Protein backbone atom coordinates (compact mmCIF):
# COMPACT_ATOMS: atom_id res chain seq x y z
CA UNK A 1 -0.34 0.01 -0.13
CA UNK A 2 0.61 3.73 -0.54
CA UNK A 3 2.04 6.52 2.30
CA UNK A 4 -2.73 7.05 1.45
CA UNK A 5 -3.84 3.85 1.35
CA UNK A 6 -3.83 3.69 -2.47
CA UNK A 7 -2.43 0.77 -3.94
CA UNK A 8 0.90 0.00 -5.15
CA UNK A 9 1.27 -1.27 -9.08
CA UNK A 10 4.95 -2.06 -7.17
CA UNK A 11 3.95 -3.97 -4.23
CA UNK A 12 4.46 -7.65 -5.17
CA UNK A 13 0.96 -9.34 -4.22
CA UNK A 14 -0.70 -7.68 -7.00
CA UNK A 15 3.05 -8.37 -10.01
CA UNK A 16 1.10 -10.83 -11.81
CA UNK A 17 -2.12 -8.58 -12.30
CA UNK A 18 -0.12 -6.53 -13.70
CA UNK A 19 1.50 -8.06 -15.56
CA UNK A 20 -1.03 -9.38 -17.11
CA UNK A 21 -2.68 -5.93 -17.49
CA UNK A 22 1.04 -4.89 -19.08
CA UNK A 23 0.87 -8.17 -21.75
CA UNK A 24 -3.02 -7.23 -22.93
CA UNK A 25 -2.12 -3.72 -23.48
CA UNK A 26 1.60 -4.62 -26.20
CA UNK A 27 -1.15 -7.48 -27.44
CA UNK A 28 -3.17 -4.95 -28.60
CA UNK A 29 -0.79 -2.09 -30.03
CA UNK A 30 0.43 -5.41 -31.88
CA UNK A 31 -2.92 -6.25 -33.12
CA UNK A 32 -3.72 -2.81 -33.98
CA UNK A 33 0.00 -2.43 -36.14
CA UNK A 34 -0.63 -5.58 -38.03
CA UNK A 35 -4.54 -3.72 -38.96
CA UNK A 36 -2.95 -1.31 -40.53
CA UNK A 37 0.28 -3.45 -41.89
CA UNK A 38 -2.79 -6.38 -42.49
CA UNK A 39 -6.20 -5.70 -42.50
CA UNK A 40 -7.40 -8.81 -43.92
CA UNK A 41 -5.15 -10.70 -41.22
CA UNK A 42 -6.17 -8.92 -38.13
CA UNK A 43 -9.50 -9.30 -38.69
CA UNK A 44 -8.81 -12.78 -39.22
CA UNK A 45 -7.55 -13.04 -35.58
CA UNK A 46 -10.21 -10.30 -34.24
CA UNK A 47 -13.24 -13.37 -35.34
CA UNK A 48 -11.23 -16.44 -34.18
CA UNK A 49 -11.19 -13.61 -30.62
CA UNK A 50 -14.97 -14.09 -31.42
CA UNK A 51 -15.34 -17.56 -31.75
CA UNK A 52 -13.03 -18.64 -28.49
CA UNK A 53 -10.23 -20.10 -30.32
CA UNK A 54 -7.54 -18.09 -28.72
CA UNK A 55 -5.99 -18.12 -25.64
CA UNK A 56 -6.41 -14.60 -25.14
CA UNK A 57 -9.61 -12.62 -24.17
CA UNK A 58 -10.92 -10.52 -26.76
CA UNK A 59 -8.64 -7.35 -27.64
CA UNK A 60 -9.87 -4.40 -25.16
CA UNK A 61 -8.96 -1.50 -28.91
CA UNK A 62 -11.23 -1.75 -31.16
CA UNK A 63 -12.28 0.53 -33.99
CA UNK A 64 -15.75 0.59 -35.37
CA UNK A 65 -16.67 1.87 -39.11
CA UNK A 66 -19.74 3.47 -37.61
């Protein structure tokens, strides 16, 4: 805990959650980069997520065509 009573991301007891969040952010960035370089492959990967055929949750980053 921090001096003001908040939770510190650097506490060992929270390391697992912090690492997972960081990895998910990196994954989202890589998917964004793939969507620029090869939109078809990015869409295929998103489709796999939507039907549950990947080990990761659905990417949190999304751009709708609205």
